[in-house]
Amino acid sequence: MERLWTPWRMEYIRSATVAEEDEGCVLCRLPGAGDDARVWILARGALAYVVLNKYPYNPGHLMVAPFRHVGALEDVRADELADMGELLQRAIAALRAASDPHGFNVGMNLGRAAGAGMPDHLHWHVVPRWGGDTNFMPVLGETRVLPELLDETYAKLAPHF
């Protein structure tokens, strides 16, 4: 039997067992980290920002989040939603320019039952897609195969923001 080693996955598994209250909201903490490149923030608007997903589905998987801690879409202010929308457009344009994907999945998981890992701080996921980018690994092996490190993805995308 072949083995595919994904040591980064253990960090994700362990972090899933830590209560969010213990460390606070990661989407609230990231903008104050002091080094956007270190935490993979690609762009900032007045009220929202774009960041690479630390546990991506595909290379270039981004999230667009408001700075304000808000979990319900109906509680997002119009100006925040507009800023997020502009950043969403910029994110898709940057991904097109840097990676030439064949398509995108764009969406929000609102609430734990809908798959939200951080249900108290909503965010859009932007996942670039290529024909043939899925195979048996996620289905049978419960493992994603990512051909690029996050630092490489960041370096490729950053000039396009």
Protein backbone atom coordinates (compact mmCIF):
# COMPACT_ATOMS: atom_id res chain seq x y z
CA MET A 1 0.00 0.00 0.00
CA GLU A 2 1.22 3.48 -0.88
CA ARG A 3 1.23 6.18 1.78
CA LEU A 4 0.83 9.87 1.22
CA TRP A 5 2.31 11.89 4.07
CA THR A 6 0.50 15.12 4.93
CA PRO A 7 2.08 16.25 8.22
CA TRP A 8 0.38 19.66 8.05
CA ARG A 9 -2.98 17.86 8.39
CA MET A 10 -2.26 16.93 12.04
CA GLU A 11 -2.23 20.63 12.99
CA TYR A 12 -5.71 20.94 11.51
CA ILE A 13 -6.97 17.83 13.29
CA ARG A 14 -5.61 19.02 16.64
CA SER A 15 -6.91 22.55 16.18
CA ALA A 16 -10.41 21.20 15.55
CA THR A 17 -10.43 19.86 19.09
CA VAL A 18 -9.53 23.20 20.69
CA ALA A 19 -12.51 25.34 21.63
CA GLU A 20 -12.57 28.61 19.70
CA GLU A 21 -13.20 30.46 22.96
CA ASP A 22 -9.79 29.36 24.30
CA GLU A 23 -7.83 31.20 21.62
CA GLY A 24 -10.38 33.66 20.31
CA CYS A 25 -11.49 34.05 16.72
CA VAL A 26 -8.73 33.44 14.19
CA LEU A 27 -10.39 35.73 11.63
CA CYS A 28 -10.33 38.52 14.22
CA ARG A 29 -6.69 37.83 15.18
CA LEU A 30 -5.15 37.64 11.70
CA PRO A 31 -5.44 41.33 10.73
CA GLY A 32 -3.60 42.35 13.90
CA ALA A 33 -0.71 39.92 13.47
CA GLY A 34 1.58 42.70 12.23
CA ASP A 35 2.94 40.85 9.18
CA ASP A 36 0.43 40.24 6.40
CA ALA A 37 2.78 37.96 4.43
CA ARG A 38 3.38 35.73 7.47
CA VAL A 39 -0.36 35.13 7.93
CA TRP A 40 -1.06 35.15 4.15
CA ILE A 41 -3.26 38.26 4.04
CA LEU A 42 -3.28 39.28 0.39
CA ALA A 43 -5.39 42.44 0.46
CA ARG A 44 -7.18 44.77 2.84
CA GLY A 45 -10.17 46.94 2.20
CA ALA A 46 -11.64 49.51 4.56
CA LEU A 47 -13.86 46.95 6.30
CA ALA A 48 -12.72 43.51 5.10
CA TYR A 49 -9.71 41.53 3.93
CA VAL A 50 -8.59 38.61 1.75
CA VAL A 51 -6.52 35.77 3.19
CA LEU A 52 -5.30 32.40 1.95
CA ASN A 53 -7.07 29.51 3.65
CA LYS A 54 -4.53 27.76 5.90
CA TYR A 55 -6.17 24.41 5.09
CA PRO A 56 -7.01 24.79 1.39
CA TYR A 57 -9.18 22.58 -0.78
CA ASN A 58 -7.09 23.64 -3.79
CA PRO A 59 -4.05 25.89 -4.33
CA GLY A 60 -5.28 29.48 -4.16
CA HIS A 61 -8.24 28.78 -1.85
CA LEU A 62 -8.98 32.23 -0.40
CA MET A 63 -11.34 33.65 2.16
CA VAL A 64 -12.89 37.12 2.16
CA ALA A 65 -13.86 38.19 5.68
CA PRO A 66 -15.02 41.37 7.39
CA PHE A 67 -12.76 42.80 10.07
CA ARG A 68 -15.75 42.97 12.41
CA HIS A 69 -16.70 39.78 14.24
CA VAL A 70 -20.11 38.95 12.81
CA GLY A 71 -21.62 35.54 12.18
CA ALA A 72 -25.03 36.17 10.61
CA LEU A 73 -25.28 37.43 7.05
CA GLU A 74 -28.30 39.55 7.96
CA ASP A 75 -26.16 41.36 10.56
CA VAL A 76 -23.50 42.44 8.06
CA ARG A 77 -23.80 46.16 7.34
CA ALA A 78 -24.28 47.32 3.75
CA ASP A 79 -20.87 49.03 3.69
CA GLU A 80 -19.17 45.84 4.93
CA LEU A 81 -20.97 43.75 2.33
CA ALA A 82 -19.95 46.20 -0.41
CA ASP A 83 -16.30 46.08 0.69
CA MET A 84 -16.40 42.28 0.82
CA GLY A 85 -17.96 42.21 -2.66
CA GLU A 86 -15.22 44.42 -4.10
CA LEU A 87 -12.54 42.22 -2.52
CA LEU A 88 -14.29 39.13 -3.85
CA GLN A 89 -14.07 40.57 -7.37
CA ARG A 90 -10.39 41.42 -6.88
CA ALA A 91 -9.71 37.93 -5.53
CA ILE A 92 -11.23 36.24 -8.55
CA ALA A 93 -9.36 38.57 -10.92
CA ALA A 94 -6.07 37.85 -9.10
CA LEU A 95 -6.63 34.10 -9.21
CA ARG A 96 -7.44 34.28 -12.94
CA ALA A 97 -4.28 36.24 -13.63
CA ALA A 98 -1.98 34.13 -11.46
CA SER A 99 -3.33 30.60 -11.91
CA ASP A 100 -5.69 30.51 -14.92
CA PRO A 101 -8.30 28.29 -13.25
CA HIS A 102 -11.11 26.82 -15.34
CA GLY A 103 -13.76 27.90 -12.81
CA PHE A 104 -14.49 28.79 -9.19
CA ASN A 105 -16.56 27.70 -6.24
CA VAL A 106 -17.64 30.76 -4.25
CA GLY A 107 -19.77 30.48 -1.17
CA MET A 108 -20.44 30.82 2.54
CA ASN A 109 -21.18 28.12 5.08
CA LEU A 110 -23.56 29.79 7.51
CA GLY A 111 -23.80 27.80 10.75
CA ARG A 112 -22.12 24.59 11.91
CA ALA A 113 -24.85 22.43 10.36
CA ALA A 114 -23.97 24.00 6.99
CA GLY A 115 -20.28 23.15 7.42
CA ALA A 116 -18.97 26.38 8.95
CA GLY A 117 -15.76 25.74 10.87
CA MET A 118 -15.90 29.30 12.24
CA PRO A 119 -19.64 29.94 12.49
CA ASP A 120 -19.31 33.16 14.50
CA HIS A 121 -17.25 35.04 11.88
CA LEU A 122 -18.72 34.69 8.42
CA HIS A 123 -16.51 34.63 5.35
CA TRP A 124 -16.68 33.83 1.68
CA HIS A 125 -14.65 30.93 0.37
CA VAL A 126 -13.17 31.31 -3.11
CA VAL A 127 -11.87 28.01 -4.44
CA PRO A 128 -10.23 27.96 -7.87
CA ARG A 129 -11.06 24.84 -9.88
CA TRP A 130 -9.43 23.06 -12.80
CA GLY A 131 -10.81 20.25 -14.91
CA GLY A 132 -9.67 17.00 -13.32
CA ASP A 133 -8.63 18.57 -10.00
CA THR A 134 -10.66 16.03 -8.04
CA ASN A 135 -9.94 12.35 -7.91
CA PHE A 136 -10.37 9.41 -5.58
CA MET A 137 -8.09 10.79 -2.84
CA PRO A 138 -10.63 13.07 -1.06
CA VAL A 139 -13.41 10.52 -1.44
CA LEU A 140 -11.68 7.28 -0.54
CA GLY A 141 -8.50 8.41 1.17
CA GLU A 142 -9.95 11.41 3.00
CA THR A 143 -6.78 13.21 1.91
CA ARG A 144 -6.30 16.19 -0.35
CA VAL A 145 -3.28 16.35 -2.60
CA LEU A 146 -2.02 19.91 -2.94
CA PRO A 147 0.82 20.50 -5.38
CA GLU A 148 1.90 23.86 -3.95
CA LEU A 149 2.92 25.23 -0.54
CA LEU A 150 1.01 28.21 0.87
CA ASP A 151 4.08 30.47 0.72
CA GLU A 152 4.43 29.68 -3.00
CA THR A 153 0.74 30.39 -3.60
CA TYR A 154 1.02 33.67 -1.68
CA ALA A 155 4.07 34.77 -3.72
CA LYS A 156 2.25 33.96 -6.95
CA LEU A 157 -0.96 35.83 -5.99
CA ALA A 158 0.36 38.85 -4.08
CA PRO A 159 1.49 40.83 -7.15
CA HIS A 160 -2.04 40.64 -8.56
CA PHE A 161 -3.68 42.42 -5.62
